[in-house]
Amino acid sequence: MEGGAYSGLLSSGRGADVAEATAAATRLVAGVTVWRARLDYQLDQLYDGKAGVLQPPVRAVLRCGLYELQHGGVAPHAVCSQWTEACRAAGKSRAAGLVNALLRRALRGPLPAPPSPPAAAQPGDPAAAAALGLCHSLPAWIAGRWWARLGRADAEALMAASNRGTPAYGLRPRAAGAEHLAALAAECARLGVPCAPSALLPRHMLRLEGVSLAPLLPMLRAGDAALQDEAAALVVRLLDPGPKERLADLCAAPGGKALFAAALGARVTALDSSAARLEMLRSAAAASAADVECLHQDLTLFRPPAPFSLVLLDAPCSGLGVLAKRADLRWRRSAGDIADSAARAQPLLAAAARLVAPGGALVYSTCSTEPEENEEVVRAFLRSAEGAGWALERADEKVLRDGSRLPPAALSPCGAFLAPLPHVLGTDGAFGARLRRAAE
């Protein structure tokens, strides 16, 4: 069941029905959020250029109706009647006739698509960037930035990947090891959840794509398995913790990387400045019996009794690598946020470096695809006074403890950094740089 055909289920009170309806509602909200700009363009065309005068609740109802007509899997005439009634339920009865008329006009279709910029257009042309962004329902500043850096074909592929309606997930067992992974795969099969070994982390994770996660909820709540994007898990592989190795995860919550590192045998001290988010990690660690100490602490003020051999700084960033799972970010970020988050990362990286023992390693990571937040932060650190005595360890030269290497497709073009991209691997976008402190 998809989209709007969930109101009856929510009122039925049956647990399975409510879970199914909630999932359908979540898909609807996510889809409307992703395609908001394109839906507004179509609405404006249907309403003869007057969509700007619509009240927000009426516009929201029409967005939902237009989305379901194109993606929802609901009978078209049912969409019209349902969202007309939703308009009345929202206290906008006077607009119900308009909603019904516009949705029925959309039914007669075809719905108008935004025009693509001409083949000869350049990313520096604001109108061309805006047109490309509208085609993919992304702000012009993101479209222009990706177009200028990647070229049009790759930029459009990245935009399409950021809009995918069925994001992929990695699923890993509570404990590392082939037997635990095999047992998890068998349990997924028993539950009817299709999965396959992760091509990027075949010894550690399964890959789920386009499946309902509802059957997995009991094992996830019990801590027997954990969802984690493969890109995030690759950051932990770059960190490569050893058994009983002391690791500080400095912006840890909600804790996926800390828990994976603990599953690999590390003794993890997890810091976060958000008490609420840290509590999520503390609960997850208790459920999975992970060796994770949780501290509500500002990392710039943290003074441990002894330095750590490994430190992970998963820095706050724009999040442009995770738009497929966080569709709202595209509308909440601005071009200035890139420079702001890069500037905030510099003192955090310097503070993280002070916690590393001589000869130890530090991994700087983000969930961004943007160079200013990634490579440029690392290079600025290495040029700074705080970076004296530090060196970059190239990702393409790293041999992991189990003898394997990081997947070449997940590395940056120069090979020095971990940099999985959504349109290349079907994962989130992420970044990781491994730095080594000189031994005294």
Protein backbone atom coordinates (compact mmCIF):
# COMPACT_ATOMS: atom_id res chain seq x y z
CA MET A 1 0.00 0.00 0.00
CA GLU A 2 1.31 3.44 -0.90
CA GLY A 3 0.73 7.11 -0.35
CA GLY A 4 -2.68 8.34 0.67
CA ALA A 5 -4.48 5.04 1.11
CA TYR A 6 -3.61 4.96 4.79
CA SER A 7 -6.27 6.96 6.65
CA GLY A 8 -8.50 3.95 7.21
CA LEU A 9 -5.63 1.85 8.45
CA LEU A 10 -4.63 4.46 11.04
CA SER A 11 -8.12 4.36 12.46
CA SER A 12 -8.29 0.57 12.54
CA GLY A 13 -6.01 0.23 15.54
CA ARG A 14 -4.38 -2.96 14.28
CA GLY A 15 -0.62 -2.91 14.96
CA ALA A 16 0.50 -4.23 11.57
CA ASP A 17 -1.90 -1.91 9.79
CA VAL A 18 -0.69 1.10 11.75
CA ALA A 19 2.94 0.25 10.97
CA GLU A 20 2.10 -0.11 7.29
CA ALA A 21 0.15 3.15 7.28
CA THR A 22 2.93 4.98 9.10
CA ALA A 23 5.46 3.75 6.55
CA ALA A 24 3.17 4.87 3.71
CA ALA A 25 2.73 8.30 5.30
CA THR A 26 6.49 8.59 5.76
CA ARG A 27 7.07 7.78 2.09
CA LEU A 28 4.51 10.38 1.09
CA VAL A 29 6.06 13.13 3.22
CA ALA A 30 9.55 12.27 2.03
CA GLY A 31 8.48 12.21 -1.60
CA VAL A 32 6.64 15.52 -1.41
CA THR A 33 9.66 17.06 0.34
CA VAL A 34 12.06 15.84 -2.32
CA TRP A 35 9.93 16.99 -5.25
CA ARG A 36 8.57 20.17 -3.71
CA ALA A 37 10.06 22.58 -6.25
CA ARG A 38 8.94 20.52 -9.23
CA LEU A 39 5.46 20.08 -7.75
CA ASP A 40 5.19 23.83 -7.20
CA TYR A 41 6.18 24.42 -10.83
CA GLN A 42 3.49 22.03 -12.00
CA LEU A 43 0.95 23.59 -9.68
CA ASP A 44 1.74 27.04 -11.02
CA GLN A 45 1.25 25.81 -14.57
CA LEU A 46 -2.09 24.22 -13.66
CA TYR A 47 -3.30 27.34 -11.86
CA ASP A 48 -2.34 29.72 -14.66
CA GLY A 49 0.58 31.27 -12.80
CA LYS A 50 -1.42 32.09 -9.67
CA ALA A 51 -0.13 29.36 -7.31
CA GLY A 52 1.72 31.97 -5.28
CA VAL A 53 -1.57 33.25 -3.82
CA LEU A 54 -2.55 29.86 -2.35
CA GLN A 55 -2.60 29.56 1.44
CA PRO A 56 0.10 27.18 2.78
CA PRO A 57 -2.35 24.43 3.89
CA VAL A 58 -4.03 24.43 0.49
CA ARG A 59 -0.68 24.37 -1.29
CA ALA A 60 0.42 21.44 0.92
CA VAL A 61 -2.73 19.47 0.05
CA LEU A 62 -2.22 20.11 -3.65
CA ARG A 63 1.42 19.08 -3.47
CA CYS A 64 0.39 15.78 -1.90
CA GLY A 65 -2.29 15.20 -4.51
CA LEU A 66 0.01 15.98 -7.43
CA TYR A 67 2.71 13.74 -5.97
CA GLU A 68 0.31 10.82 -5.58
CA LEU A 69 -0.98 11.22 -9.11
CA GLN A 70 2.58 10.70 -10.32
CA HIS A 71 4.15 8.40 -7.74
CA GLY A 72 1.60 7.16 -5.24
CA GLY A 73 0.14 4.01 -6.74
CA VAL A 74 -3.37 5.19 -5.79
CA ALA A 75 -6.32 5.27 -8.22
CA PRO A 76 -6.34 8.77 -9.74
CA HIS A 77 -9.97 9.55 -8.97
CA ALA A 78 -9.44 8.37 -5.40
CA VAL A 79 -6.57 10.85 -5.13
CA CYS A 80 -8.86 13.71 -6.17
CA SER A 81 -11.61 12.86 -3.70
CA GLN A 82 -9.24 12.06 -0.86
CA TRP A 83 -7.25 15.29 -1.02
CA THR A 84 -10.38 17.36 -1.56
CA GLU A 85 -11.65 15.93 1.72
CA ALA A 86 -8.25 16.55 3.30
CA CYS A 87 -8.59 20.20 2.35
CA ARG A 88 -11.92 20.37 4.17
CA ALA A 89 -10.45 18.54 7.17
CA ALA A 90 -7.68 21.16 7.31
CA GLY A 91 -10.34 23.82 7.83
CA LYS A 92 -10.16 25.15 4.26
CA SER A 93 -13.59 24.11 2.97
CA ARG A 94 -13.85 27.18 0.75
CA ALA A 95 -10.79 26.00 -1.19
CA ALA A 96 -11.99 22.38 -1.57
CA GLY A 97 -13.61 23.06 -4.93
CA LEU A 98 -10.41 24.62 -6.24
CA VAL A 99 -8.38 21.63 -5.05
CA ASN A 100 -10.75 19.25 -6.76
CA ALA A 101 -10.73 21.27 -10.00
CA LEU A 102 -6.92 21.54 -10.16
CA LEU A 103 -6.37 17.85 -9.42
CA ARG A 104 -8.91 16.87 -12.06
CA ARG A 105 -7.16 19.19 -14.51
CA ALA A 106 -3.92 17.39 -13.65
CA LEU A 107 -5.68 14.09 -14.36
CA ARG A 108 -6.28 15.17 -17.92
CA GLY A 109 -2.48 15.64 -18.17
CA PRO A 110 0.18 15.32 -19.10
CA LEU A 111 1.61 17.24 -16.17
CA PRO A 112 4.10 19.85 -17.38
CA ALA A 113 7.79 19.17 -16.80
CA PRO A 114 10.27 22.00 -16.23
CA PRO A 115 12.40 22.69 -19.32
CA SER A 116 16.03 21.59 -19.16
CA PRO A 117 18.75 24.15 -19.81
CA PRO A 118 20.11 23.96 -23.39
CA ALA A 119 23.08 21.71 -24.08
CA ALA A 120 25.36 24.72 -24.61
CA ALA A 121 24.46 26.29 -21.24
CA GLN A 122 27.19 26.77 -18.65
CA PRO A 123 26.95 26.29 -14.88
CA GLY A 124 28.00 29.88 -14.30
CA ASP A 125 24.75 31.05 -15.88
CA PRO A 126 22.36 31.57 -12.93
CA ALA A 127 19.29 30.93 -15.09
CA ALA A 128 20.74 27.66 -16.39
CA ALA A 129 21.66 26.50 -12.88
CA ALA A 130 18.17 27.38 -11.67
CA ALA A 131 16.59 25.47 -14.55
CA LEU A 132 18.72 22.40 -13.92
CA GLY A 133 17.92 22.57 -10.22
CA LEU A 134 14.21 22.82 -10.94
CA CYS A 135 14.35 19.76 -13.19
CA HIS A 136 15.75 17.77 -10.26
CA SER A 137 13.93 19.70 -7.50
CA LEU A 138 17.10 21.06 -5.94
CA PRO A 139 18.07 24.64 -5.11
CA ALA A 140 19.93 26.45 -7.87
CA TRP A 141 23.01 26.90 -5.70
CA ILE A 142 23.42 23.12 -5.25
CA ALA A 143 22.77 22.42 -8.94
CA GLY A 144 25.26 25.06 -10.05
CA ARG A 145 27.91 23.92 -7.57
CA TRP A 146 27.73 20.26 -8.61
CA TRP A 147 27.54 21.14 -12.30
CA ALA A 148 30.65 23.31 -12.11
CA ARG A 149 32.66 20.72 -10.19
CA LEU A 150 31.54 17.43 -11.75
CA GLY A 151 30.32 18.33 -15.23
CA ARG A 152 26.71 18.18 -16.27
CA ALA A 153 26.34 14.43 -16.74
CA ASP A 154 27.80 13.46 -13.35
CA ALA A 155 26.03 16.34 -11.64
CA GLU A 156 22.67 15.15 -12.96
CA ALA A 157 23.50 11.59 -11.94
CA LEU A 158 24.31 12.82 -8.42
CA MET A 159 21.06 14.79 -8.33
CA ALA A 160 19.09 11.73 -9.41
CA ALA A 161 20.81 9.61 -6.75
CA SER A 162 19.98 12.24 -4.13
CA ASN A 163 16.30 11.92 -5.09
CA ARG A 164 16.00 8.15 -5.10
CA GLY A 165 12.79 7.09 -3.45
CA THR A 166 14.08 3.83 -1.99
CA PRO A 167 17.41 4.55 -0.28
CA ALA A 168 19.69 1.60 0.39
CA TYR A 169 20.77 0.59 3.87
CA GLY A 170 23.54 -1.51 5.30
CA LEU A 171 22.65 -4.03 7.99
CA ARG A 172 25.32 -5.42 10.28
CA PRO A 173 25.15 -7.95 13.11
CA ARG A 174 25.79 -7.12 16.76
CA ALA A 175 29.24 -8.73 16.62
CA ALA A 176 31.80 -8.93 13.84
CA GLY A 177 32.58 -12.23 12.19
CA ALA A 178 31.50 -14.41 9.28
CA GLU A 179 29.30 -16.62 11.45
CA HIS A 180 27.34 -13.65 12.80
CA LEU A 181 26.88 -12.22 9.30
CA ALA A 182 25.65 -15.58 8.01
CA ALA A 183 23.21 -15.87 10.92
CA LEU A 184 21.88 -12.39 10.20
CA ALA A 185 21.37 -13.24 6.52
CA ALA A 186 19.49 -16.38 7.53
CA GLU A 187 17.26 -14.38 9.88
CA CYS A 188 16.49 -11.86 7.13
CA ALA A 189 15.52 -14.73 4.85
CA ARG A 190 13.26 -16.16 7.56
CA LEU A 191 11.58 -12.76 7.91
CA GLY A 192 11.15 -12.40 4.16
CA VAL A 193 13.48 -9.41 3.90
CA PRO A 194 15.59 -9.62 0.72
CA CYS A 195 19.25 -8.83 1.27
CA ALA A 196 22.65 -9.46 -0.26
CA PRO A 197 26.24 -9.24 0.97
CA SER A 198 27.55 -5.71 0.72
CA ALA A 199 29.93 -5.39 -2.22
CA LEU A 200 31.81 -2.69 -0.27
CA LEU A 201 32.00 -4.47 3.11
CA PRO A 202 31.40 -8.15 2.30
CA ARG A 203 32.83 -9.34 5.63
CA HIS A 204 30.77 -7.01 7.76
CA MET A 205 27.43 -5.99 6.25
CA LEU A 206 24.39 -6.94 4.25
CA ARG A 207 22.78 -4.52 1.80
CA LEU A 208 19.06 -3.80 1.82
CA GLU A 209 17.46 -1.85 -0.99
CA GLY A 210 13.82 -1.10 -1.69
CA VAL A 211 12.55 -3.29 1.16
CA SER A 212 10.32 -2.67 4.15
CA LEU A 213 12.29 -2.40 7.37
CA ALA A 214 9.25 -3.18 9.55
CA PRO A 215 10.04 -6.92 9.96
CA LEU A 216 13.51 -6.00 11.26
CA LEU A 217 12.29 -3.68 14.03
CA PRO A 218 12.33 -6.29 16.85
CA MET A 219 15.95 -7.28 16.19
CA LEU A 220 17.00 -3.64 15.76
CA ARG A 221 15.38 -2.65 19.06
CA ALA A 222 17.00 -5.62 20.79
CA GLY A 223 20.44 -4.59 19.55
CA ASP A 224 20.93 -7.82 17.61
CA ALA A 225 21.55 -5.87 14.40
CA ALA A 226 22.06 -2.26 13.36
CA LEU A 227 21.26 -0.20 10.29
CA GLN A 228 24.14 1.86 8.96
CA ASP A 229 24.85 3.27 5.54
CA GLU A 230 27.78 1.54 3.87
CA ALA A 231 29.52 4.89 3.37
CA ALA A 232 29.49 5.55 7.11
CA ALA A 233 30.75 2.04 7.79
CA LEU A 234 33.64 2.60 5.39
CA VAL A 235 34.78 5.49 7.61
CA VAL A 236 35.17 2.97 10.45
CA ARG A 237 37.09 0.66 8.14
CA LEU A 238 39.45 3.54 7.36
CA LEU A 239 39.84 4.03 11.11
CA ASP A 240 40.66 0.30 11.35
CA PRO A 241 40.54 -0.18 15.14
CA GLY A 242 42.28 -3.14 16.71
CA PRO A 243 41.08 -5.37 19.58
CA LYS A 244 40.95 -3.46 22.89
CA GLU A 245 42.37 -0.36 21.22
CA ARG A 246 41.31 2.89 22.93
CA LEU A 247 39.28 5.01 20.56
CA ALA A 248 37.68 8.41 21.11
CA ASP A 249 34.67 9.23 18.92
CA LEU A 250 34.29 12.95 19.45
CA CYS A 251 30.96 13.85 17.79
CA ALA A 252 29.55 10.41 18.30
CA ALA A 253 25.75 10.57 18.52
CA PRO A 254 23.61 8.92 17.39
CA GLY A 255 26.44 6.41 17.41
CA GLY A 256 26.56 4.17 14.36
CA LYS A 257 30.30 4.53 13.90
CA ALA A 258 31.04 4.11 17.62
CA LEU A 259 28.99 0.92 17.78
CA PHE A 260 30.62 -0.54 14.68
CA ALA A 261 34.08 0.24 16.09
CA ALA A 262 33.08 -1.47 19.34
CA ALA A 263 31.85 -4.48 17.36
CA LEU A 264 35.32 -4.66 15.82
CA GLY A 265 36.80 -4.86 19.32
CA ALA A 266 37.68 -1.26 20.17
CA ARG A 267 37.15 0.25 23.62
CA VAL A 268 35.23 3.37 22.67
CA THR A 269 34.87 6.63 24.56
CA ALA A 270 32.02 8.47 22.86
CA LEU A 271 31.55 12.21 23.33
CA ASP A 272 28.72 14.44 22.23
CA SER A 273 27.55 17.90 23.22
CA SER A 274 23.87 16.91 22.87
CA ALA A 275 22.56 15.06 25.91
CA ALA A 276 19.45 13.87 24.09
CA ARG A 277 21.37 12.45 21.13
CA LEU A 278 23.93 10.88 23.45
CA GLU A 279 21.15 9.10 25.32
CA MET A 280 20.19 7.42 22.04
CA LEU A 281 23.74 6.09 21.77
CA ARG A 282 23.82 5.03 25.41
CA SER A 283 20.61 3.03 24.95
CA ALA A 284 21.83 1.42 21.73
CA ALA A 285 25.16 0.50 23.34
CA ALA A 286 23.39 -1.09 26.31
CA ALA A 287 21.07 -3.06 24.01
CA SER A 288 23.98 -4.49 22.02
CA ALA A 289 26.30 -4.90 25.04
CA ALA A 290 28.89 -2.73 23.28
CA ASP A 291 32.02 -1.50 25.06
CA VAL A 292 31.16 2.19 24.74
CA GLU A 293 31.60 4.83 27.44
CA CYS A 294 29.30 7.81 26.79
CA LEU A 295 30.30 11.29 27.95
CA HIS A 296 28.20 14.44 27.62
CA GLN A 297 31.10 16.73 26.81
CA ASP A 298 32.26 19.55 24.56
CA LEU A 299 35.29 18.10 22.79
CA THR A 300 37.18 21.41 22.95
CA LEU A 301 37.04 21.17 26.77
CA PHE A 302 37.74 17.43 27.02
CA ARG A 303 40.88 16.56 28.97
CA PRO A 304 41.22 12.77 29.25
CA PRO A 305 43.65 11.22 31.73
CA ALA A 306 45.63 9.74 28.84
CA PRO A 307 45.69 10.29 25.06
CA PHE A 308 44.08 7.85 22.65
CA SER A 309 45.76 5.75 20.00
CA LEU A 310 42.79 6.38 17.68
CA VAL A 311 40.48 9.38 17.40
CA LEU A 312 37.49 9.87 15.13
CA LEU A 313 36.15 13.35 14.41
CA ASP A 314 32.91 13.06 12.44
CA ALA A 315 32.53 16.80 12.05
CA PRO A 316 29.23 18.68 11.76
CA CYS A 317 28.71 19.66 8.13
CA SER A 318 26.16 20.64 5.49
CA GLY A 319 25.01 17.03 5.06
CA LEU A 320 24.82 17.30 1.27
CA GLY A 321 25.89 13.68 0.99
CA VAL A 322 22.77 12.36 2.70
CA LEU A 323 20.00 14.12 0.76
CA ALA A 324 18.43 10.80 -0.25
CA LYS A 325 17.68 10.06 3.42
CA ARG A 326 17.35 13.67 4.63
CA ALA A 327 15.35 15.34 1.87
CA ASP A 328 14.60 18.36 4.05
CA LEU A 329 18.25 19.42 4.13
CA ARG A 330 18.13 20.67 0.54
CA TRP A 331 15.62 23.33 1.61
CA ARG A 332 17.28 24.12 4.96
CA ARG A 333 20.82 24.73 3.73
CA SER A 334 22.27 27.74 1.91
CA ALA A 335 25.48 28.32 -0.01
CA GLY A 336 26.95 30.14 2.98
CA ASP A 337 26.56 27.07 5.17
CA ILE A 338 29.44 25.34 3.35
CA ALA A 339 31.98 27.98 4.35
CA ASP A 340 30.50 28.25 7.84
CA SER A 341 30.78 24.54 8.58
CA ALA A 342 34.33 24.43 7.15
CA ALA A 343 35.31 27.30 9.46
CA ARG A 344 33.78 25.52 12.47
CA ALA A 345 35.60 22.31 11.60
CA GLN A 346 39.07 23.84 11.84
CA PRO A 347 39.16 24.36 15.64
CA LEU A 348 37.42 21.03 16.16
CA LEU A 349 40.12 19.26 14.17
CA ALA A 350 42.86 21.04 16.11
CA ALA A 351 41.19 20.04 19.39
CA ALA A 352 40.84 16.44 18.20
CA ALA A 353 44.52 16.30 17.28
CA ARG A 354 45.53 17.19 20.86
CA LEU A 355 43.86 13.99 22.09
CA VAL A 356 45.96 11.64 19.94
CA ALA A 357 48.95 9.87 21.43
CA PRO A 358 52.32 10.12 19.65
CA GLY A 359 52.29 7.63 16.81
CA GLY A 360 48.50 7.47 16.90
CA ALA A 361 45.99 8.14 14.13
CA LEU A 362 43.09 10.51 13.59
CA VAL A 363 40.29 10.15 11.06
CA TYR A 364 38.45 13.29 10.02
CA SER A 365 35.12 12.54 8.38
CA THR A 366 31.91 14.22 7.21
CA CYS A 367 28.68 13.26 5.47
CA SER A 368 29.31 15.95 2.85
CA THR A 369 30.41 15.77 -0.78
CA GLU A 370 31.83 19.31 -0.78
CA PRO A 371 35.62 19.89 -0.98
CA GLU A 372 35.57 22.97 1.25
CA GLU A 373 34.29 20.85 4.15
CA ASN A 374 36.53 17.92 3.32
CA GLU A 375 39.94 18.03 1.60
CA GLU A 376 40.38 21.73 2.16
CA VAL A 377 39.86 21.41 5.92
CA VAL A 378 42.46 18.65 6.10
CA ARG A 379 45.01 20.51 3.99
CA ALA A 380 44.52 23.69 6.02
CA PHE A 381 45.14 21.70 9.22
CA LEU A 382 48.35 20.18 7.84
CA ARG A 383 49.58 23.70 6.94
CA SER A 384 48.76 25.07 10.39
CA ALA A 385 50.87 25.18 13.53
CA GLU A 386 48.60 22.52 15.10
CA GLY A 387 49.30 20.26 12.13
CA ALA A 388 53.07 20.24 12.64
CA GLY A 389 54.20 16.64 13.11
CA TRP A 390 51.16 15.23 11.32
CA ALA A 391 51.00 13.51 7.94
CA LEU A 392 48.25 12.27 5.67
CA GLU A 393 48.05 8.50 5.24
CA ARG A 394 46.75 7.85 1.75
CA ALA A 395 43.59 5.78 1.61
CA ASP A 396 44.75 3.94 -1.53
CA GLU A 397 47.88 2.75 0.30
CA LYS A 398 46.15 1.63 3.48
CA VAL A 399 46.29 -2.11 4.16
CA LEU A 400 43.71 -2.96 6.82
CA ARG A 401 44.36 -5.27 9.73
CA ASP A 402 42.57 -8.15 8.04
CA GLY A 403 44.78 -7.78 4.95
CA SER A 404 42.10 -6.19 2.77
CA ARG A 405 42.03 -2.71 1.23
CA LEU A 406 39.36 -0.08 0.89
CA PRO A 407 37.31 -0.39 -2.33
CA PRO A 408 38.94 1.73 -5.07
CA ALA A 409 35.52 2.95 -6.25
CA ALA A 410 34.97 4.51 -2.81
CA LEU A 411 38.11 6.67 -2.99
CA SER A 412 38.63 10.18 -4.27
CA PRO A 413 40.00 10.59 -7.82
CA CYS A 414 43.48 11.22 -6.41
CA GLY A 415 43.20 8.14 -4.18
CA ALA A 416 44.26 9.94 -1.01
CA PHE A 417 40.85 10.11 0.65
CA LEU A 418 37.78 8.01 1.27
CA ALA A 419 35.03 9.67 -0.78
CA PRO A 420 32.09 7.40 -1.71
CA LEU A 421 29.52 9.13 -3.93
CA PRO A 422 25.79 8.32 -4.15
CA HIS A 423 25.64 8.14 -7.95
CA VAL A 424 28.70 5.89 -8.14
CA LEU A 425 28.00 3.39 -5.35
CA GLY A 426 24.35 3.85 -4.42
CA THR A 427 25.35 4.82 -0.89
CA ASP A 428 25.27 8.10 0.98
CA GLY A 429 28.03 10.55 0.19
CA ALA A 430 30.81 10.71 2.77
CA PHE A 431 34.42 11.70 3.28
CA GLY A 432 37.29 10.38 5.36
CA ALA A 433 40.93 11.36 5.77
CA ARG A 434 43.36 9.40 7.94
CA LEU A 435 46.13 11.41 9.62
CA ARG A 436 49.11 10.06 11.54
CA ARG A 437 50.88 11.83 14.40
CA ALA A 438 54.62 11.46 14.48
CA ALA A 439 56.06 9.26 17.20
CA GLU A 440 58.17 11.06 19.78
